[in-house]
Amino acid sequence: MKIYNPPLPGLEELAPGVWLYPGDMEGVAYVGSLKSSRFHKASCWHGGRILVTNRICFLDGPAAAAYGYFPCSKCKPLEES
């Protein structure tokens, strides 16, 4: 799976490994909402419900944690699958 490593055109980097993603979910590993403090695997049902306008993407779990986000208790993004 390709992971987007910002900056790419159209991506606004908020912090190292953290960016707003206004487009589709292709190639994204972890997502969160600007309106919550949880992050999810891109394949998580809960993550898929995040509106594009609220979507925040993370390069990896440590970047999400450093930005103040906690892992989803349903998809468990920090556990090996």
Protein backbone atom coordinates (compact mmCIF):
# COMPACT_ATOMS: atom_id res chain seq x y z
CA MET A 1 0.00 0.00 0.00
CA LYS A 2 1.34 3.40 -0.94
CA ILE A 3 1.40 5.92 1.90
CA TYR A 4 1.27 9.57 0.86
CA ASN A 5 4.16 11.46 2.32
CA PRO A 6 3.29 15.16 2.36
CA PRO A 7 3.72 17.65 1.01
CA LEU A 8 1.89 16.77 -2.19
CA PRO A 9 -0.20 19.22 -4.22
CA GLY A 10 -3.49 19.85 -2.43
CA LEU A 11 -2.32 18.58 0.94
CA GLU A 12 -1.93 20.96 3.84
CA GLU A 13 0.64 19.62 6.29
CA LEU A 14 -0.30 20.48 9.88
CA ALA A 15 2.68 18.81 11.59
CA PRO A 16 5.25 16.18 10.61
CA GLY A 17 3.25 13.18 9.36
CA VAL A 18 -0.10 14.95 9.83
CA TRP A 19 -2.08 16.60 7.04
CA LEU A 20 -5.55 17.56 5.87
CA TYR A 21 -6.71 15.38 3.01
CA PRO A 22 -9.46 16.92 0.90
CA GLY A 23 -9.68 14.05 -1.61
CA ASP A 24 -10.37 10.34 -1.57
CA MET A 25 -8.98 7.70 0.81
CA GLU A 26 -6.73 5.93 -1.71
CA GLY A 27 -3.30 5.25 -0.19
CA VAL A 28 -4.16 6.60 3.27
CA ALA A 29 -3.31 4.33 6.22
CA TYR A 30 -4.80 6.25 9.20
CA VAL A 31 -7.52 8.87 9.41
CA GLY A 32 -9.13 10.97 12.09
CA SER A 33 -11.65 13.75 12.37
CA LEU A 34 -10.94 17.35 13.23
CA LYS A 35 -13.99 17.07 15.51
CA SER A 36 -12.77 14.12 17.63
CA SER A 37 -9.61 12.76 19.21
CA ARG A 38 -9.68 9.22 17.73
CA PHE A 39 -7.80 7.86 14.77
CA HIS A 40 -8.74 4.84 12.69
CA LYS A 41 -7.42 2.48 10.06
CA ALA A 42 -8.51 3.75 6.66
CA SER A 43 -10.55 0.54 6.31
CA CYS A 44 -12.46 1.12 9.58
CA TRP A 45 -16.20 1.71 9.23
CA HIS A 46 -16.00 4.58 11.69
CA GLY A 47 -13.14 6.20 9.80
CA GLY A 48 -15.04 5.89 6.54
CA ARG A 49 -17.88 7.97 7.97
CA ILE A 50 -15.67 11.04 8.51
CA LEU A 51 -16.70 13.87 6.25
CA VAL A 52 -14.02 14.92 3.78
CA THR A 53 -14.18 18.45 5.17
CA ASN A 54 -13.24 17.12 8.64
CA ARG A 55 -10.72 14.48 7.56
CA ILE A 56 -7.19 14.51 8.92
CA CYS A 57 -4.63 11.91 7.85
CA PHE A 58 -1.65 10.47 9.65
CA LEU A 59 1.49 8.92 8.23
CA ASP A 60 1.67 6.49 11.15
CA GLY A 61 0.44 5.79 14.68
CA PRO A 62 3.18 7.77 16.44
CA ALA A 63 2.34 10.86 14.37
CA ALA A 64 -1.32 10.53 15.38
CA ALA A 65 -0.38 10.12 19.06
CA ALA A 66 1.99 13.09 18.93
CA TYR A 67 -0.85 15.19 17.51
CA GLY A 68 -3.06 14.20 20.49
CA TYR A 69 -5.17 11.46 18.92
CA PHE A 70 -6.03 8.10 20.50
CA PRO A 71 -6.55 4.78 18.68
CA CYS A 72 -10.07 3.60 17.87
CA SER A 73 -11.19 0.83 20.22
CA LYS A 74 -12.97 -1.00 17.39
CA CYS A 75 -10.36 -1.23 14.62
CA LYS A 76 -7.33 -1.05 16.96
CA PRO A 77 -5.00 0.74 14.50
CA LEU A 78 -1.84 0.16 16.54
CA GLU A 79 -2.22 -3.63 16.62
CA GLU A 80 -0.84 -5.87 13.89
CA SER A 81 -3.49 -7.24 11.59
